[in-house]
Amino acid sequence: MKHKRRPMRAGLVAAGISILAGAALAGSEPVKFPTLPKGYLPPGSLDAARVVPPAPSDGDPRDQVDRQVFQSTRALKDSERWKLATRDVDMMPSGMMSAFSCAVGVKMTPQNAPKLNAVMLRVLGDSMVANESAKHHFKRLRPFQVAQGEICQPTAQVAGSFDYPSGHTVWGWSWALVLAELAPDRATEILSRGRAYGQSRAVCGAHNASAVEAGGMVAAATNATLHGSAEFRADMDAARAELASLRQSGEKPPACEAEAALIAQSAY
């Protein structure tokens, strides 16, 4: 049975504008993202809809896996993993730096790492343009729009935007890939946290597992393309020096053992 496509209510991402995900419905506020500056890449540099596999079709094997993951992860509600997924909804710079502080080994904030913050906003400007184009190409419904089940955030925050690929996952993997390059001695911890950040979207129930996988591909494709930009490479050098200095003198984040244990295994 084919499911009726719902119209897109959120604005298409473009460099230099504020992004809103979902519709502001009946007293619910959409998820707010930072205003993204112009990215590093010329328009049309990456066609993500041709990079990722086509979205699953209703009833095919990948779609069946998506339904199974959605149903099985509803049992995680109120668990510590569910709480982490709920924290991972926050995509503002302060939230992202907090999410990756344990992995990097130092408490990061937009105030103590402004060069890192600046390069990440431009990276995200590129990756989200690519991802939103793919979302509009595939127009796949989110899992809670097909089957019943609670999710870890108000449904109105995300019901107005499409599922595939997952923008949150693009966001998290973009941070992970940049940070792993800036602090390669912490690459294992950083990339493990990036994987967990993406899986949080399936744990939350806001995205299908296939959308999480596709989001990682979009982030990786964008990151690879960005290395052709001399401006990007120069900004990365500045961010690398800034992060190295912060790691020598900065504050260590708390409760890292608990987080490490939580993300050590796959959530589904």
Protein backbone atom coordinates (compact mmCIF):
# COMPACT_ATOMS: atom_id res chain seq x y z
CA MET A 1 0.00 0.00 0.00
CA LYS A 2 1.37 3.36 -1.00
CA HIS A 3 1.34 6.09 1.61
CA LYS A 4 0.22 9.56 0.68
CA ARG A 5 3.06 12.07 0.68
CA ARG A 6 2.65 14.99 3.00
CA PRO A 7 3.54 18.47 1.78
CA MET A 8 6.83 19.93 2.97
CA ARG A 9 6.16 22.67 5.52
CA ALA A 10 9.76 23.57 6.43
CA GLY A 11 11.78 26.03 4.38
CA LEU A 12 14.38 24.59 2.04
CA VAL A 13 17.85 25.05 3.46
CA ALA A 14 19.98 27.61 1.68
CA ALA A 15 23.29 29.14 2.72
CA GLY A 16 22.92 32.30 4.73
CA ILE A 17 19.39 31.70 6.06
CA SER A 18 17.98 30.33 9.28
CA ILE A 19 16.74 26.75 9.16
CA LEU A 20 13.52 25.59 10.73
CA ALA A 21 12.70 21.88 10.81
CA GLY A 22 9.05 20.97 11.05
CA ALA A 23 5.91 22.99 11.28
CA ALA A 24 4.86 25.25 14.14
CA LEU A 25 1.57 23.54 14.91
CA ALA A 26 -0.94 24.14 17.67
CA GLY A 27 1.44 25.59 20.21
CA SER A 28 4.44 23.45 19.33
CA GLU A 29 7.61 25.17 18.24
CA PRO A 30 9.74 23.80 15.39
CA VAL A 31 13.29 22.72 16.13
CA LYS A 32 15.53 25.77 15.79
CA PHE A 33 18.94 25.65 14.15
CA PRO A 34 21.61 28.31 14.00
CA THR A 35 21.65 30.64 11.04
CA LEU A 36 24.13 29.12 8.65
CA PRO A 37 26.56 31.31 6.72
CA LYS A 38 27.49 30.73 3.11
CA GLY A 39 29.35 27.46 2.76
CA TYR A 40 32.64 26.76 1.04
CA LEU A 41 31.30 25.05 -2.08
CA PRO A 42 29.83 26.60 -5.22
CA PRO A 43 26.12 25.91 -5.73
CA GLY A 44 25.45 22.52 -7.26
CA SER A 45 28.79 21.03 -6.24
CA LEU A 46 27.18 17.89 -4.82
CA ASP A 47 23.99 16.07 -5.85
CA ALA A 48 23.32 14.00 -2.73
CA ALA A 49 20.25 12.34 -4.26
CA ARG A 50 22.62 10.56 -6.66
CA VAL A 51 25.15 9.70 -3.95
CA VAL A 52 22.86 7.90 -1.51
CA PRO A 53 20.85 4.81 -2.47
CA PRO A 54 17.25 5.49 -3.46
CA ALA A 55 14.93 5.66 -0.47
CA PRO A 56 13.30 2.33 0.43
CA SER A 57 9.98 1.60 -1.23
CA ASP A 58 6.94 0.56 0.79
CA GLY A 59 7.25 -3.11 1.70
CA ASP A 60 10.68 -3.78 0.21
CA PRO A 61 13.38 -5.45 2.39
CA ARG A 62 14.95 -2.15 3.50
CA ASP A 63 11.54 -0.77 4.37
CA GLN A 64 10.79 -3.89 6.42
CA VAL A 65 14.03 -3.42 8.37
CA ASP A 66 13.08 0.20 9.02
CA ARG A 67 9.71 -0.87 10.45
CA GLN A 68 11.36 -3.53 12.63
CA VAL A 69 13.91 -1.04 14.00
CA PHE A 70 11.21 1.51 14.77
CA GLN A 71 9.09 -1.01 16.67
CA SER A 72 11.99 -2.58 18.59
CA THR A 73 13.46 0.76 19.67
CA ARG A 74 10.13 1.90 21.16
CA ALA A 75 11.06 -0.40 24.05
CA LEU A 76 13.94 1.98 24.87
CA LYS A 77 11.56 4.72 26.02
CA ASP A 78 12.71 6.29 29.32
CA SER A 79 15.98 4.32 29.28
CA GLU A 80 19.36 6.02 29.53
CA ARG A 81 19.79 5.53 25.79
CA TRP A 82 16.44 7.27 25.20
CA LYS A 83 17.60 10.15 27.38
CA LEU A 84 20.76 10.47 25.30
CA ALA A 85 18.69 10.51 22.12
CA THR A 86 16.56 13.25 23.64
CA ARG A 87 19.66 15.33 24.43
CA ASP A 88 20.89 14.73 20.89
CA VAL A 89 17.87 16.58 19.51
CA ASP A 90 19.72 19.84 20.31
CA MET A 91 21.64 20.94 17.21
CA MET A 92 22.74 24.40 18.32
CA PRO A 93 26.53 24.93 18.50
CA SER A 94 26.54 24.74 22.30
CA GLY A 95 24.64 21.45 22.20
CA MET A 96 26.89 19.93 19.56
CA MET A 97 30.07 20.92 21.35
CA SER A 98 28.71 19.48 24.57
CA ALA A 99 27.76 16.26 22.78
CA PHE A 100 31.32 15.77 21.47
CA SER A 101 33.29 17.09 24.46
CA CYS A 102 33.80 13.69 26.06
CA ALA A 103 34.90 12.22 22.75
CA VAL A 104 37.46 14.97 22.20
CA GLY A 105 38.52 14.96 25.85
CA VAL A 106 37.97 18.64 26.63
CA LYS A 107 34.96 20.82 27.36
CA MET A 108 34.20 22.72 24.15
CA THR A 109 31.93 25.75 23.85
CA PRO A 110 31.32 28.32 21.10
CA GLN A 111 33.13 30.80 23.35
CA ASN A 112 36.33 28.81 23.88
CA ALA A 113 36.45 27.39 20.34
CA PRO A 114 35.16 30.16 18.05
CA LYS A 115 37.27 29.12 15.05
CA LEU A 116 35.95 25.57 15.27
CA ASN A 117 32.43 26.92 15.55
CA ALA A 118 32.90 29.16 12.51
CA VAL A 119 34.26 26.39 10.29
CA MET A 120 31.50 24.01 11.38
CA LEU A 121 28.72 26.45 10.54
CA ARG A 122 30.09 26.82 7.02
CA VAL A 123 30.54 23.06 6.65
CA LEU A 124 26.94 22.58 7.74
CA GLY A 125 25.84 25.24 5.29
CA ASP A 126 27.18 23.01 2.52
CA SER A 127 26.05 19.66 3.90
CA MET A 128 22.52 20.77 4.69
CA VAL A 129 21.98 22.30 1.25
CA ALA A 130 22.94 18.95 -0.23
CA ASN A 131 20.79 17.02 2.22
CA GLU A 132 17.63 19.09 1.94
CA SER A 133 17.75 18.74 -1.83
CA ALA A 134 17.84 14.96 -1.41
CA LYS A 135 14.99 15.04 1.13
CA HIS A 136 12.81 16.89 -1.36
CA HIS A 137 13.78 14.45 -4.09
CA PHE A 138 12.78 11.33 -2.15
CA LYS A 139 9.92 12.76 -0.03
CA ARG A 140 9.87 9.78 2.35
CA LEU A 141 7.61 9.80 5.39
CA ARG A 142 9.01 9.51 8.88
CA PRO A 143 8.45 6.23 10.78
CA PHE A 144 5.86 7.62 13.22
CA GLN A 145 3.83 8.82 10.23
CA VAL A 146 3.51 5.23 9.01
CA ALA A 147 3.27 3.23 12.26
CA GLN A 148 2.17 4.09 15.77
CA GLY A 149 4.78 4.74 18.40
CA GLU A 150 6.03 7.51 20.68
CA ILE A 151 9.10 9.54 19.77
CA CYS A 152 11.52 11.41 22.02
CA GLN A 153 10.46 14.91 20.93
CA PRO A 154 7.14 16.57 20.03
CA THR A 155 6.00 15.18 16.68
CA ALA A 156 5.08 18.66 15.48
CA GLN A 157 8.76 19.61 15.56
CA VAL A 158 9.58 17.19 12.76
CA ALA A 159 6.31 16.16 11.09
CA GLY A 160 6.59 18.91 8.48
CA SER A 161 9.90 17.71 7.04
CA PHE A 162 10.85 14.51 5.27
CA ASP A 163 12.73 11.48 6.58
CA TYR A 164 15.40 10.51 4.04
CA PRO A 165 18.28 11.29 4.51
CA SER A 166 18.36 12.30 8.17
CA GLY A 167 19.46 15.92 8.63
CA HIS A 168 20.33 15.37 12.28
CA THR A 169 22.63 12.54 11.22
CA VAL A 170 24.27 14.73 8.59
CA TRP A 171 24.81 17.31 11.32
CA GLY A 172 26.32 14.84 13.79
CA TRP A 173 28.55 13.06 11.26
CA SER A 174 29.75 16.41 9.89
CA TRP A 175 30.91 17.36 13.37
CA ALA A 176 32.48 13.94 13.88
CA LEU A 177 34.42 13.96 10.61
CA VAL A 178 35.79 17.45 11.16
CA LEU A 179 36.74 16.78 14.77
CA ALA A 180 38.40 13.45 13.90
CA GLU A 181 40.59 15.30 11.40
CA LEU A 182 41.44 18.01 13.92
CA ALA A 183 42.19 15.56 16.75
CA PRO A 184 43.18 12.29 15.03
CA ASP A 185 44.45 10.75 18.26
CA ARG A 186 40.81 10.80 19.45
CA ALA A 187 39.34 9.63 16.13
CA THR A 188 37.95 6.36 17.51
CA GLU A 189 36.09 8.10 20.34
CA ILE A 190 34.88 10.93 18.10
CA LEU A 191 33.62 8.71 15.29
CA SER A 192 31.95 6.36 17.79
CA ARG A 193 30.09 9.37 19.16
CA GLY A 194 29.15 10.39 15.62
CA ARG A 195 27.72 6.94 14.99
CA ALA A 196 25.77 7.09 18.25
CA TYR A 197 24.48 10.58 17.44
CA GLY A 198 23.02 9.30 14.19
CA GLN A 199 21.54 6.23 15.84
CA SER A 200 19.87 8.53 18.37
CA ARG A 201 17.49 9.56 15.59
CA ALA A 202 16.25 5.99 15.18
CA VAL A 203 16.13 5.51 18.97
CA CYS A 204 14.12 8.71 19.15
CA GLY A 205 11.80 7.43 16.44
CA ALA A 206 12.10 10.61 14.40
CA HIS A 207 13.96 8.88 11.56
CA ASN A 208 14.18 5.48 9.95
CA ALA A 209 17.39 3.48 10.20
CA SER A 210 17.88 3.81 6.43
CA ALA A 211 17.69 7.60 6.74
CA VAL A 212 20.41 7.49 9.41
CA GLU A 213 22.67 5.47 7.11
CA ALA A 214 22.02 7.84 4.21
CA GLY A 215 22.70 10.88 6.39
CA GLY A 216 26.15 9.53 7.17
CA MET A 217 26.81 9.15 3.44
CA VAL A 218 25.80 12.75 2.74
CA ALA A 219 28.09 14.03 5.50
CA ALA A 220 31.01 11.93 4.21
CA ALA A 221 30.45 13.00 0.60
CA THR A 222 30.30 16.66 1.59
CA ASN A 223 33.42 16.36 3.75
CA ALA A 224 35.37 14.76 0.90
CA THR A 225 34.25 17.46 -1.53
CA LEU A 226 35.17 20.23 0.91
CA HIS A 227 38.83 19.21 0.87
CA GLY A 228 39.07 20.59 -2.64
CA SER A 229 38.52 24.09 -1.19
CA ALA A 230 41.69 25.96 -0.22
CA GLU A 231 39.62 28.23 2.01
CA PHE A 232 38.24 25.25 3.89
CA ARG A 233 41.71 23.78 4.37
CA ALA A 234 43.04 27.08 5.69
CA ASP A 235 40.16 27.42 8.15
CA MET A 236 40.74 23.83 9.28
CA ASP A 237 44.38 24.67 10.02
CA ALA A 238 43.28 27.57 12.22
CA ALA A 239 40.69 25.42 14.00
CA ARG A 240 43.28 22.66 14.51
CA ALA A 241 45.66 25.05 16.27
CA GLU A 242 42.82 26.43 18.39
CA LEU A 243 41.64 22.97 19.45
CA ALA A 244 45.20 21.82 20.23
CA SER A 245 45.64 24.79 22.56
CA LEU A 246 42.28 24.17 24.21
CA ARG A 247 43.11 20.52 24.78
CA GLN A 248 46.29 21.50 26.63
CA SER A 249 44.68 24.02 28.97
CA GLY A 250 40.94 23.42 28.87
CA GLU A 251 38.54 21.90 31.37
CA LYS A 252 37.88 18.18 31.23
CA PRO A 253 34.21 17.24 30.72
CA PRO A 254 32.41 15.28 33.48
CA ALA A 255 30.70 11.88 33.42
CA CYS A 256 32.52 10.60 30.36
CA GLU A 257 32.70 7.00 31.58
CA ALA A 258 28.91 6.74 31.67
CA GLU A 259 28.59 8.16 28.16
CA ALA A 260 31.28 5.87 26.80
CA ALA A 261 29.53 2.81 28.22
CA LEU A 262 26.21 3.96 26.78
CA ILE A 263 27.47 4.32 23.21
CA ALA A 264 29.87 1.37 23.22
CA GLN A 265 27.33 -0.84 21.49
CA SER A 266 24.91 -0.28 18.68
CA ALA A 267 21.49 0.88 19.84
CA TYR A 268 19.68 -1.48 17.45
